[in-house]
Amino acid sequence: MDEIFIKKGEEKYKTKEHGKIFRMLMKSERMEAVISEIEIGVESKLYKHEGEEIHLLLKGKIEYRIGEKTYTMEEGDALWHQSNVPHGAKNIGDEKAVYLTVGSPPTFM
């Protein structure tokens, strides 16, 4: 497989839901990278799937729930977890939250 290079503003595809945007940056047979944007006060549904993932908060403040645990994340914080546990994010800040998720295998989008 060749390298994948994405310029700022480019995306493979995106999905929009109420107050949320998920932008697929890249996807290979073994991993995917997604930029998520969540508006103030919006919470994603809990979701579970195969694999593992890491999140890096780029902007804002979120609560990230994994099973019964909740983590407060601020800009620059990173969180890793198994994806087979229900998980999701809520924007608890005063601006749109933006975070990068890298998952393996590519089972989210």
PDB file of N, CA and C in Angstrom:
ATOM      1  N   MET A   1       0.845  -1.177   0.000  1.00  0.00           N
ATOM      2  CA  MET A   1       0.000   0.000   0.000  1.00  0.00           C
ATOM      3  C   MET A   1       0.894   1.245   0.000  1.00  0.00           C
ATOM      4  N   ASP A   2       0.496   2.245  -0.763  1.00  0.00           N
ATOM      5  CA  ASP A   2       1.231   3.503  -0.823  1.00  0.00           C
ATOM      6  C   ASP A   2       0.868   4.392   0.351  1.00  0.00           C
ATOM      7  N   GLU A   3       1.654   5.428   0.551  1.00  0.00           N
ATOM      8  CA  GLU A   3       1.390   6.408   1.594  1.00  0.00           C
ATOM      9  C   GLU A   3       0.083   7.136   1.312  1.00  0.00           C
ATOM     10  N   ILE A   4      -0.504   7.700   2.364  1.00  0.00           N
ATOM     11  CA  ILE A   4      -1.711   8.521   2.213  1.00  0.00           C
ATOM     12  C   ILE A   4      -1.366   9.900   2.755  1.00  0.00           C
ATOM     13  N   PHE A   5      -1.544  10.923   1.939  1.00  0.00           N
ATOM     14  CA  PHE A   5      -1.254  12.299   2.343  1.00  0.00           C
ATOM     15  C   PHE A   5      -2.516  13.121   2.150  1.00  0.00           C
ATOM     16  N   ILE A   6      -2.952  13.792   3.209  1.00  0.00           N
ATOM     17  CA  ILE A   6      -4.170  14.604   3.171  1.00  0.00           C
ATOM     18  C   ILE A   6      -3.788  16.049   3.473  1.00  0.00           C
ATOM     19  N   LYS A   7      -4.126  16.962   2.582  1.00  0.00           N
ATOM     20  CA  LYS A   7      -3.888  18.389   2.810  1.00  0.00           C
ATOM     21  C   LYS A   7      -4.978  18.939   3.721  1.00  0.00           C
ATOM     22  N   LYS A   8      -4.634  19.985   4.457  1.00  0.00           N
ATOM     23  CA  LYS A   8      -5.598  20.659   5.342  1.00  0.00           C
ATOM     24  C   LYS A   8      -6.862  20.988   4.550  1.00  0.00           C
ATOM     25  N   GLY A   9      -8.004  20.659   5.146  1.00  0.00           N
ATOM     26  CA  GLY A   9      -9.294  20.919   4.503  1.00  0.00           C
ATOM     27  C   GLY A   9      -9.804  19.787   3.634  1.00  0.00           C
ATOM     28  N   GLU A  10      -8.970  18.806   3.328  1.00  0.00           N
ATOM     29  CA  GLU A  10      -9.405  17.664   2.524  1.00  0.00           C
ATOM     30  C   GLU A  10      -9.952  16.577   3.441  1.00  0.00           C
ATOM     31  N   GLU A  11     -10.791  15.713   2.900  1.00  0.00           N
ATOM     32  CA  GLU A  11     -11.348  14.597   3.660  1.00  0.00           C
ATOM     33  C   GLU A  11     -11.792  13.519   2.694  1.00  0.00           C
ATOM     34  N   LYS A  12     -11.798  12.286   3.169  1.00  0.00           N
ATOM     35  CA  LYS A  12     -12.258  11.165   2.349  1.00  0.00           C
ATOM     36  C   LYS A  12     -13.778  11.249   2.209  1.00  0.00           C
ATOM     37  N   TYR A  13     -14.472  11.447   3.326  1.00  0.00           N
ATOM     38  CA  TYR A  13     -15.903  11.717   3.349  1.00  0.00           C
ATOM     39  C   TYR A  13     -16.290  12.186   4.741  1.00  0.00           C
ATOM     40  N   LYS A  14     -17.526  12.656   4.891  1.00  0.00           N
ATOM     41  CA  LYS A  14     -17.974  13.126   6.197  1.00  0.00           C
ATOM     42  C   LYS A  14     -19.435  12.776   6.412  1.00  0.00           C
ATOM     43  N   THR A  15     -19.807  12.709   7.687  1.00  0.00           N
ATOM     44  CA  THR A  15     -21.196  12.527   8.070  1.00  0.00           C
ATOM     45  C   THR A  15     -21.555  13.637   9.050  1.00  0.00           C
ATOM     46  N   LYS A  16     -22.807  14.064   8.981  1.00  0.00           N
ATOM     47  CA  LYS A  16     -23.295  15.106   9.886  1.00  0.00           C
ATOM     48  C   LYS A  16     -24.499  14.576  10.631  1.00  0.00           C
ATOM     49  N   GLU A  17     -24.541  14.867  11.922  1.00  0.00           N
ATOM     50  CA  GLU A  17     -25.690  14.587  12.768  1.00  0.00           C
ATOM     51  C   GLU A  17     -25.954  15.857  13.546  1.00  0.00           C
ATOM     52  N   HIS A  18     -27.033  15.914  14.292  1.00  0.00           N
ATOM     53  CA  HIS A  18     -27.375  17.104  15.060  1.00  0.00           C
ATOM     54  C   HIS A  18     -26.205  17.552  15.937  1.00  0.00           C
ATOM     55  N   GLY A  19     -25.558  18.642  15.567  1.00  0.00           N
ATOM     56  CA  GLY A  19     -24.488  19.210  16.361  1.00  0.00           C
ATOM     57  C   GLY A  19     -23.158  18.493  16.293  1.00  0.00           C
ATOM     58  N   LYS A  20     -23.035  17.497  15.384  1.00  0.00           N
ATOM     59  CA  LYS A  20     -21.803  16.720  15.281  1.00  0.00           C
ATOM     60  C   LYS A  20     -21.402  16.566  13.814  1.00  0.00           C
ATOM     61  N   ILE A  21     -20.108  16.624  13.561  1.00  0.00           N
ATOM     62  CA  ILE A  21     -19.558  16.340  12.235  1.00  0.00           C
ATOM     63  C   ILE A  21     -18.403  15.366  12.422  1.00  0.00           C
ATOM     64  N   PHE A  22     -18.393  14.301  11.637  1.00  0.00           N
ATOM     65  CA  PHE A  22     -17.303  13.337  11.637  1.00  0.00           C
ATOM     66  C   PHE A  22     -16.669  13.360  10.248  1.00  0.00           C
ATOM     67  N   ARG A  23     -15.372  13.689  10.178  1.00  0.00           N
ATOM     68  CA  ARG A  23     -14.655  13.790   8.910  1.00  0.00           C
ATOM     69  C   ARG A  23     -13.614  12.676   8.817  1.00  0.00           C
ATOM     70  N   MET A  24     -13.829  11.746   7.898  1.00  0.00           N
ATOM     71  CA  MET A  24     -12.863  10.677   7.663  1.00  0.00           C
ATOM     72  C   MET A  24     -11.680  11.264   6.913  1.00  0.00           C
ATOM     73  N   LEU A  25     -10.519  11.249   7.552  1.00  0.00           N
ATOM     74  CA  LEU A  25      -9.317  11.740   6.889  1.00  0.00           C
ATOM     75  C   LEU A  25      -8.681  10.649   6.045  1.00  0.00           C
ATOM     76  N   MET A  26      -8.495   9.486   6.660  1.00  0.00           N
ATOM     77  CA  MET A  26      -7.873   8.390   5.932  1.00  0.00           C
ATOM     78  C   MET A  26      -8.299   7.059   6.527  1.00  0.00           C
ATOM     79  N   LYS A  27      -8.217   6.049   5.689  1.00  0.00           N
ATOM     80  CA  LYS A  27      -8.607   4.706   6.110  1.00  0.00           C
ATOM     81  C   LYS A  27      -7.765   3.710   5.335  1.00  0.00           C
ATOM     82  N   SER A  28      -7.194   2.760   6.056  1.00  0.00           N
ATOM     83  CA  SER A  28      -6.457   1.676   5.418  1.00  0.00           C
ATOM     84  C   SER A  28      -7.095   0.368   5.873  1.00  0.00           C
ATOM     85  N   GLU A  29      -6.489  -0.726   5.532  1.00  0.00           N
ATOM     86  CA  GLU A  29      -7.009  -2.026   5.953  1.00  0.00           C
ATOM     87  C   GLU A  29      -6.904  -2.218   7.459  1.00  0.00           C
ATOM     88  N   ARG A  30      -5.983  -1.491   8.129  1.00  0.00           N
ATOM     89  CA  ARG A  30      -5.728  -1.714   9.544  1.00  0.00           C
ATOM     90  C   ARG A  30      -6.076  -0.563  10.470  1.00  0.00           C
ATOM     91  N   MET A  31      -6.350   0.652   9.923  1.00  0.00           N
ATOM     92  CA  MET A  31      -6.662   1.774  10.809  1.00  0.00           C
ATOM     93  C   MET A  31      -7.412   2.865  10.061  1.00  0.00           C
ATOM     94  N   GLU A  32      -7.966   3.793  10.852  1.00  0.00           N
ATOM     95  CA  GLU A  32      -8.632   4.951  10.272  1.00  0.00           C
ATOM     96  C   GLU A  32      -8.371   6.161  11.160  1.00  0.00           C
ATOM     97  N   ALA A  33      -8.457   7.337  10.566  1.00  0.00           N
ATOM     98  CA  ALA A  33      -8.283   8.586  11.304  1.00  0.00           C
ATOM     99  C   ALA A  33      -9.486   9.472  11.020  1.00  0.00           C
ATOM    100  N   VAL A  34     -10.135   9.954  12.090  1.00  0.00           N
ATOM    101  CA  VAL A  34     -11.363  10.744  11.976  1.00  0.00           C
ATOM    102  C   VAL A  34     -11.217  12.005  12.822  1.00  0.00           C
ATOM    103  N   ILE A  35     -11.594  13.148  12.255  1.00  0.00           N
ATOM    104  CA  ILE A  35     -11.704  14.394  13.014  1.00  0.00           C
ATOM    105  C   ILE A  35     -13.172  14.552  13.383  1.00  0.00           C
ATOM    106  N   SER A  36     -13.455  14.716  14.665  1.00  0.00           N
ATOM    107  CA  SER A  36     -14.827  14.908  15.141  1.00  0.00           C
ATOM    108  C   SER A  36     -14.985  16.328  15.660  1.00  0.00           C
ATOM    109  N   GLU A  37     -16.119  16.950  15.327  1.00  0.00           N
ATOM    110  CA  GLU A  37     -16.457  18.277  15.815  1.00  0.00           C
ATOM    111  C   GLU A  37     -17.793  18.172  16.539  1.00  0.00           C
ATOM    112  N   ILE A  38     -17.848  18.691  17.764  1.00  0.00           N
ATOM    113  CA  ILE A  38     -19.074  18.618  18.553  1.00  0.00           C
ATOM    114  C   ILE A  38     -19.412  20.019  19.054  1.00  0.00           C
ATOM    115  N   GLU A  39     -20.613  20.465  18.771  1.00  0.00           N
ATOM    116  CA  GLU A  39     -21.058  21.788  19.196  1.00  0.00           C
ATOM    117  C   GLU A  39     -21.265  21.832  20.717  1.00  0.00           C
ATOM    118  N   ILE A  40     -21.322  23.023  21.278  1.00  0.00           N
ATOM    119  CA  ILE A  40     -21.487  23.244  22.718  1.00  0.00           C
ATOM    120  C   ILE A  40     -22.722  22.506  23.231  1.00  0.00           C
ATOM    121  N   GLY A  41     -22.552  21.727  24.300  1.00  0.00           N
ATOM    122  CA  GLY A  41     -23.651  21.026  24.940  1.00  0.00           C
ATOM    123  C   GLY A  41     -24.116  19.754  24.262  1.00  0.00           C
ATOM    124  N   VAL A  42     -23.583  19.435  23.093  1.00  0.00           N
ATOM    125  CA  VAL A  42     -24.017  18.250  22.348  1.00  0.00           C
ATOM    126  C   VAL A  42     -23.256  17.018  22.851  1.00  0.00           C
ATOM    127  N   GLU A  43     -23.978  15.896  22.894  1.00  0.00           N
ATOM    128  CA  GLU A  43     -23.419  14.624  23.352  1.00  0.00           C
ATOM    129  C   GLU A  43     -23.625  13.572  22.284  1.00  0.00           C
ATOM    130  N   SER A  44     -22.589  12.780  22.005  1.00  0.00           N
ATOM    131  CA  SER A  44     -22.737  11.692  21.042  1.00  0.00           C
ATOM    132  C   SER A  44     -23.379  10.491  21.722  1.00  0.00           C
ATOM    133  N   LYS A  45     -24.008   9.655  20.916  1.00  0.00           N
ATOM    134  CA  LYS A  45     -24.565   8.408  21.444  1.00  0.00           C
ATOM    135  C   LYS A  45     -23.421   7.495  21.855  1.00  0.00           C
ATOM    136  N   LEU A  46     -23.674   6.642  22.834  1.00  0.00           N
ATOM    137  CA  LEU A  46     -22.665   5.638  23.193  1.00  0.00           C
ATOM    138  C   LEU A  46     -22.589   4.621  22.061  1.00  0.00           C
ATOM    139  N   TYR A  47     -21.395   4.234  21.743  1.00  0.00           N
ATOM    140  CA  TYR A  47     -21.142   3.392  20.588  1.00  0.00           C
ATOM    141  C   TYR A  47     -20.081   2.367  20.973  1.00  0.00           C
ATOM    142  N   LYS A  48     -20.180   1.155  20.461  1.00  0.00           N
ATOM    143  CA  LYS A  48     -19.128   0.165  20.670  1.00  0.00           C
ATOM    144  C   LYS A  48     -18.924  -0.600  19.383  1.00  0.00           C
ATOM    145  N   HIS A  49     -17.701  -1.049  19.198  1.00  0.00           N
ATOM    146  CA  HIS A  49     -17.323  -1.756  17.980  1.00  0.00           C
ATOM    147  C   HIS A  49     -16.005  -2.473  18.248  1.00  0.00           C
ATOM    148  N   GLU A  50     -15.530  -3.216  17.302  1.00  0.00           N
ATOM    149  CA  GLU A  50     -14.288  -3.962  17.427  1.00  0.00           C
ATOM    150  C   GLU A  50     -13.082  -3.026  17.465  1.00  0.00           C
ATOM    151  N   GLY A  51     -12.034  -3.392  18.191  1.00  0.00           N
ATOM    152  CA  GLY A  51     -10.762  -2.704  18.095  1.00  0.00           C
ATOM    153  C   GLY A  51     -10.369  -1.860  19.287  1.00  0.00           C
ATOM    154  N   GLU A  52      -9.533  -0.859  19.015  1.00  0.00           N
ATOM    155  CA  GLU A  52      -9.048   0.072  20.015  1.00  0.00           C
ATOM    156  C   GLU A  52      -8.882   1.426  19.340  1.00  0.00           C
ATOM    157  N   GLU A  53      -8.831   2.488  20.148  1.00  0.00           N
ATOM    158  CA  GLU A  53      -8.698   3.822  19.573  1.00  0.00           C
ATOM    159  C   GLU A  53      -8.015   4.764  20.548  1.00  0.00           C
ATOM    160  N   ILE A  54      -7.471   5.822  19.979  1.00  0.00           N
ATOM    161  CA  ILE A  54      -6.867   6.884  20.767  1.00  0.00           C
ATOM    162  C   ILE A  54      -7.475   8.204  20.297  1.00  0.00           C
ATOM    163  N   HIS A  55      -7.756   9.078  21.257  1.00  0.00           N
ATOM    164  CA  HIS A  55      -8.330  10.391  20.969  1.00  0.00           C
ATOM    165  C   HIS A  55      -7.350  11.459  21.430  1.00  0.00           C
ATOM    166  N   LEU A  56      -7.182  12.488  20.630  1.00  0.00           N
ATOM    167  CA  LEU A  56      -6.367  13.637  20.981  1.00  0.00           C
ATOM    168  C   LEU A  56      -7.241  14.872  20.834  1.00  0.00           C
ATOM    169  N   LEU A  57      -7.498  15.561  21.956  1.00  0.00           N
ATOM    170  CA  LEU A  57      -8.351  16.747  21.921  1.00  0.00           C
ATOM    171  C   LEU A  57      -7.553  17.925  21.376  1.00  0.00           C
ATOM    172  N   LEU A  58      -8.016  18.473  20.257  1.00  0.00           N
ATOM    173  CA  LEU A  58      -7.333  19.565  19.580  1.00  0.00           C
ATOM    174  C   LEU A  58      -7.858  20.937  20.001  1.00  0.00           C
ATOM    175  N   LYS A  59      -9.149  20.991  20.374  1.00  0.00           N
ATOM    176  CA  LYS A  59      -9.768  22.269  20.708  1.00  0.00           C
ATOM    177  C   LYS A  59     -10.949  22.016  21.632  1.00  0.00           C
ATOM    178  N   GLY A  60     -11.119  22.859  22.647  1.00  0.00           N
ATOM    179  CA  GLY A  60     -12.289  22.793  23.505  1.00  0.00           C
ATOM    180  C   GLY A  60     -12.097  21.952  24.752  1.00  0.00           C
ATOM    181  N   LYS A  61     -13.238  21.500  25.285  1.00  0.00           N
ATOM    182  CA  LYS A  61     -13.261  20.696  26.506  1.00  0.00           C
ATOM    183  C   LYS A  61     -14.407  19.698  26.383  1.00  0.00           C
ATOM    184  N   ILE A  62     -14.121  18.425  26.636  1.00  0.00           N
ATOM    185  CA  ILE A  62     -15.147  17.393  26.542  1.00  0.00           C
ATOM    186  C   ILE A  62     -15.087  16.459  27.742  1.00  0.00           C
ATOM    187  N   GLU A  63     -16.211  15.796  27.981  1.00  0.00           N
ATOM    188  CA  GLU A  63     -16.250  14.630  28.859  1.00  0.00           C
ATOM    189  C   GLU A  63     -16.314  13.435  27.927  1.00  0.00           C
ATOM    190  N   TYR A  64     -15.417  12.498  28.126  1.00  0.00           N
ATOM    191  CA  TYR A  64     -15.414  11.286  27.313  1.00  0.00           C
ATOM    192  C   TYR A  64     -15.755  10.119  28.211  1.00  0.00           C
ATOM    193  N   ARG A  65     -16.847   9.441  27.887  1.00  0.00           N
ATOM    194  CA  ARG A  65     -17.326   8.322  28.702  1.00  0.00           C
ATOM    195  C   ARG A  65     -16.923   7.009  28.063  1.00  0.00           C
ATOM    196  N   ILE A  66     -16.378   6.113  28.908  1.00  0.00           N
ATOM    197  CA  ILE A  66     -16.029   4.760  28.490  1.00  0.00           C
ATOM    198  C   ILE A  66     -16.617   3.833  29.539  1.00  0.00           C
ATOM    199  N   GLY A  67     -17.683   3.132  29.187  1.00  0.00           N
ATOM    200  CA  GLY A  67     -18.381   2.297  30.166  1.00  0.00           C
ATOM    201  C   GLY A  67     -18.905   3.165  31.284  1.00  0.00           C
ATOM    202  N   GLU A  68     -18.523   2.876  32.514  1.00  0.00           N
ATOM    203  CA  GLU A  68     -18.979   3.641  33.677  1.00  0.00           C
ATOM    204  C   GLU A  68     -18.023   4.766  34.061  1.00  0.00           C
ATOM    205  N   LYS A  69     -16.889   4.876  33.371  1.00  0.00           N
ATOM    206  CA  LYS A  69     -15.893   5.908  33.693  1.00  0.00           C
ATOM    207  C   LYS A  69     -16.065   7.124  32.793  1.00  0.00           C
ATOM    208  N   THR A  70     -15.806   8.304  33.352  1.00  0.00           N
ATOM    209  CA  THR A  70     -15.859   9.550  32.586  1.00  0.00           C
ATOM    210  C   THR A  70     -14.549  10.307  32.788  1.00  0.00           C
ATOM    211  N   TYR A  71     -13.990  10.788  31.691  1.00  0.00           N
ATOM    212  CA  TYR A  71     -12.739  11.537  31.708  1.00  0.00           C
ATOM    213  C   TYR A  71     -12.999  12.944  31.184  1.00  0.00           C
ATOM    214  N   THR A  72     -12.513  13.953  31.905  1.00  0.00           N
ATOM    215  CA  THR A  72     -12.603  15.333  31.431  1.00  0.00           C
ATOM    216  C   THR A  72     -11.333  15.616  30.639  1.00  0.00           C
ATOM    217  N   MET A  73     -11.507  15.961  29.373  1.00  0.00           N
ATOM    218  CA  MET A  73     -10.368  16.211  28.492  1.00  0.00           C
ATOM    219  C   MET A  73     -10.318  17.685  28.105  1.00  0.00           C
ATOM    220  N   GLU A  74      -9.105  18.237  28.132  1.00  0.00           N
ATOM    221  CA  GLU A  74      -8.858  19.600  27.685  1.00  0.00           C
ATOM    222  C   GLU A  74      -7.844  19.549  26.554  1.00  0.00           C
ATOM    223  N   GLU A  75      -7.672  20.665  25.857  1.00  0.00           N
ATOM    224  CA  GLU A  75      -6.781  20.714  24.702  1.00  0.00           C
ATOM    225  C   GLU A  75      -5.432  20.072  25.000  1.00  0.00           C
ATOM    226  N   GLY A  76      -5.014  19.170  24.111  1.00  0.00           N
ATOM    227  CA  GLY A  76      -3.735  18.487  24.245  1.00  0.00           C
ATOM    228  C   GLY A  76      -3.808  17.156  24.971  1.00  0.00           C
ATOM    229  N   ASP A  77      -4.932  16.862  25.654  1.00  0.00           N
ATOM    230  CA  ASP A  77      -5.075  15.589  26.364  1.00  0.00           C
ATOM    231  C   ASP A  77      -5.299  14.446  25.372  1.00  0.00           C
ATOM    232  N   ALA A  78      -4.809  13.260  25.735  1.00  0.00           N
ATOM    233  CA  ALA A  78      -4.985  12.060  24.916  1.00  0.00           C
ATOM    234  C   ALA A  78      -5.605  10.965  25.769  1.00  0.00           C
ATOM    235  N   LEU A  79      -6.406  10.109  25.135  1.00  0.00           N
ATOM    236  CA  LEU A  79      -7.094   9.019  25.824  1.00  0.00           C
ATOM    237  C   LEU A  79      -7.109   7.807  24.910  1.00  0.00           C
ATOM    238  N   TRP A  80      -6.689   6.648  25.410  1.00  0.00           N
ATOM    239  CA  TRP A  80      -6.722   5.388  24.685  1.00  0.00           C
ATOM    240  C   TRP A  80      -7.724   4.469  25.360  1.00  0.00           C
ATOM    241  N   HIS A  81      -8.434   3.635  24.586  1.00  0.00           N
ATOM    242  CA  HIS A  81      -9.333   2.636  25.170  1.00  0.00           C
ATOM    243  C   HIS A  81      -9.664   1.548  24.160  1.00  0.00           C
ATOM    244  N   GLN A  82     -10.153   0.429  24.688  1.00  0.00           N
ATOM    245  CA  GLN A  82     -10.704  -0.637  23.855  1.00  0.00           C
ATOM    246  C   GLN A  82     -12.044  -0.147  23.314  1.00  0.00           C
ATOM    247  N   SER A  83     -12.331  -0.433  22.059  1.00  0.00           N
ATOM    248  CA  SER A  83     -13.551   0.068  21.418  1.00  0.00           C
ATOM    249  C   SER A  83     -14.787  -0.775  21.703  1.00  0.00           C
ATOM    250  N   ASN A  84     -14.617  -1.977  22.283  1.00  0.00           N
ATOM    251  CA  ASN A  84     -15.761  -2.854  22.526  1.00  0.00           C
ATOM    252  C   ASN A  84     -16.523  -2.493  23.802  1.00  0.00           C
ATOM    253  N   VAL A  85     -16.111  -1.411  24.480  1.00  0.00           N
ATOM    254  CA  VAL A  85     -16.823  -0.871  25.639  1.00  0.00           C
ATOM    255  C   VAL A  85     -17.607   0.347  25.146  1.00  0.00           C
ATOM    256  N   PRO A  86     -18.887   0.498  25.513  1.00  0.00           N
ATOM    257  CA  PRO A  86     -19.647   1.666  25.045  1.00  0.00           C
ATOM    258  C   PRO A  86     -18.907   2.967  25.395  1.00  0.00           C
ATOM    259  N   HIS A  87     -18.798   3.864  24.404  1.00  0.00           N
ATOM    260  CA  HIS A  87     -18.050   5.092  24.597  1.00  0.00           C
ATOM    261  C   HIS A  87     -18.654   6.231  23.774  1.00  0.00           C
ATOM    262  N   GLY A  88     -18.409   7.454  24.251  1.00  0.00           N
ATOM    263  CA  GLY A  88     -18.898   8.630  23.545  1.00  0.00           C
ATOM    264  C   GLY A  88     -18.457   9.902  24.231  1.00  0.00           C
ATOM    265  N   ALA A  89     -18.628  11.037  23.529  1.00  0.00           N
ATOM    266  CA  ALA A  89     -18.146  12.325  24.010  1.00  0.00           C
ATOM    267  C   ALA A  89     -19.280  13.316  24.191  1.00  0.00           C
ATOM    268  N   LYS A  90     -19.075  14.255  25.128  1.00  0.00           N
ATOM    269  CA  LYS A  90     -20.000  15.367  25.344  1.00  0.00           C
ATOM    270  C   LYS A  90     -19.174  16.645  25.436  1.00  0.00           C
ATOM    271  N   ASN A  91     -19.588  17.662  24.693  1.00  0.00           N
ATOM    272  CA  ASN A  91     -18.900  18.944  24.752  1.00  0.00           C
ATOM    273  C   ASN A  91     -19.374  19.686  25.996  1.00  0.00           C
ATOM    274  N   ILE A  92     -18.472  19.908  26.948  1.00  0.00           N
ATOM    275  CA  ILE A  92     -18.807  20.618  28.187  1.00  0.00           C
ATOM    276  C   ILE A  92     -18.154  21.997  28.238  1.00  0.00           C
ATOM    277  N   GLY A  93     -17.552  22.403  27.131  1.00  0.00           N
ATOM    278  CA  GLY A  93     -16.874  23.692  27.082  1.00  0.00           C
ATOM    279  C   GLY A  93     -17.762  24.802  26.562  1.00  0.00           C
ATOM    280  N   ASP A  94     -17.138  25.940  26.287  1.00  0.00           N
ATOM    281  CA  ASP A  94     -17.872  27.107  25.800  1.00  0.00           C
ATOM    282  C   ASP A  94     -17.545  27.423  24.342  1.00  0.00           C
ATOM    283  N   GLU A  95     -17.005  26.425  23.623  1.00  0.00           N
ATOM    284  CA  GLU A  95     -16.732  26.539  22.195  1.00  0.00           C
ATOM    285  C   GLU A  95     -16.855  25.159  21.562  1.00  0.00           C
ATOM    286  N   LYS A  96     -16.902  25.118  20.238  1.00  0.00           N
ATOM    287  CA  LYS A  96     -16.949  23.834  19.548  1.00  0.00           C
ATOM    288  C   LYS A  96     -15.722  23.013  19.933  1.00  0.00           C
ATOM    289  N   ALA A  97     -15.909  21.729  20.209  1.00  0.00           N
ATOM    290  CA  ALA A  97     -14.803  20.826  20.534  1.00  0.00           C
ATOM    291  C   ALA A  97     -14.391  20.078  19.264  1.00  0.00           C
ATOM    292  N   VAL A  98     -13.084  19.887  19.107  1.00  0.00           N
ATOM    293  CA  VAL A  98     -12.547  19.181  17.948  1.00  0.00           C
ATOM    294  C   VAL A  98     -11.518  18.172  18.457  1.00  0.00           C
ATOM    295  N   TYR A  99     -11.671  16.912  18.043  1.00  0.00           N
ATOM    296  CA  TYR A  99     -10.680  15.914  18.433  1.00  0.00           C
ATOM    297  C   TYR A  99     -10.401  14.932  17.308  1.00  0.00           C
ATOM    298  N   LEU A 100      -9.182  14.409  17.324  1.00  0.00           N
ATOM    299  CA  LEU A 100      -8.730  13.421  16.355  1.00  0.00           C
ATOM    300  C   LEU A 100      -8.833  12.044  16.991  1.00  0.00           C
ATOM    301  N   THR A 101      -9.427  11.104  16.274  1.00  0.00           N
ATOM    302  CA  THR A 101      -9.483   9.711  16.715  1.00  0.00           C
ATOM    303  C   THR A 101      -8.769   8.848  15.691  1.00  0.00           C
ATOM    304  N   VAL A 102      -7.869   7.999  16.171  1.00  0.00           N
ATOM    305  CA  VAL A 102      -7.237   6.994  15.328  1.00  0.00           C
ATOM    306  C   VAL A 102      -7.658   5.649  15.885  1.00  0.00           C
ATOM    307  N   GLY A 103      -8.301   4.826  15.035  1.00  0.00           N
ATOM    308  CA  GLY A 103      -8.815   3.538  15.467  1.00  0.00           C
ATOM    309  C   GLY A 103      -8.244   2.401  14.652  1.00  0.00           C
ATOM    310  N   SER A 104      -8.110   1.257  15.298  1.00  0.00           N
ATOM    311  CA  SER A 104      -7.635   0.063  14.618  1.00  0.00           C
ATOM    312  C   SER A 104      -8.383  -1.148  15.170  1.00  0.00           C
ATOM    313  N   PRO A 105      -8.943  -2.005  14.324  1.00  0.00           N
ATOM    314  CA  PRO A 105      -9.082  -1.853  12.879  1.00  0.00           C
ATOM    315  C   PRO A 105     -10.104  -0.770  12.537  1.00  0.00           C
ATOM    316  N   PRO A 106     -10.263  -0.430  11.270  1.00  0.00           N
ATOM    317  CA  PRO A 106     -11.149   0.656  10.850  1.00  0.00           C
ATOM    318  C   PRO A 106     -12.622   0.241  10.872  1.00  0.00           C
ATOM    319  N   THR A 107     -13.241   0.312  12.046  1.00  0.00           N
ATOM    320  CA  THR A 107     -14.620  -0.185  12.174  1.00  0.00           C
ATOM    321  C   THR A 107     -15.634   0.906  12.543  1.00  0.00           C
ATOM    322  N   PHE A 108     -15.211   2.180  12.634  1.00  0.00           N
ATOM    323  CA  PHE A 108     -16.136   3.233  13.042  1.00  0.00           C
ATOM    324  C   PHE A 108     -16.936   3.776  11.869  1.00  0.00           C
ATOM    325  N   MET A 109     -16.265   4.200  10.794  1.00  0.00           N
ATOM    326  CA  MET A 109     -16.956   4.793   9.642  1.00  0.00           C
ATOM    327  C   MET A 109     -16.779   3.930   8.417  1.00  0.00           C
TER     328      MET A 109
END
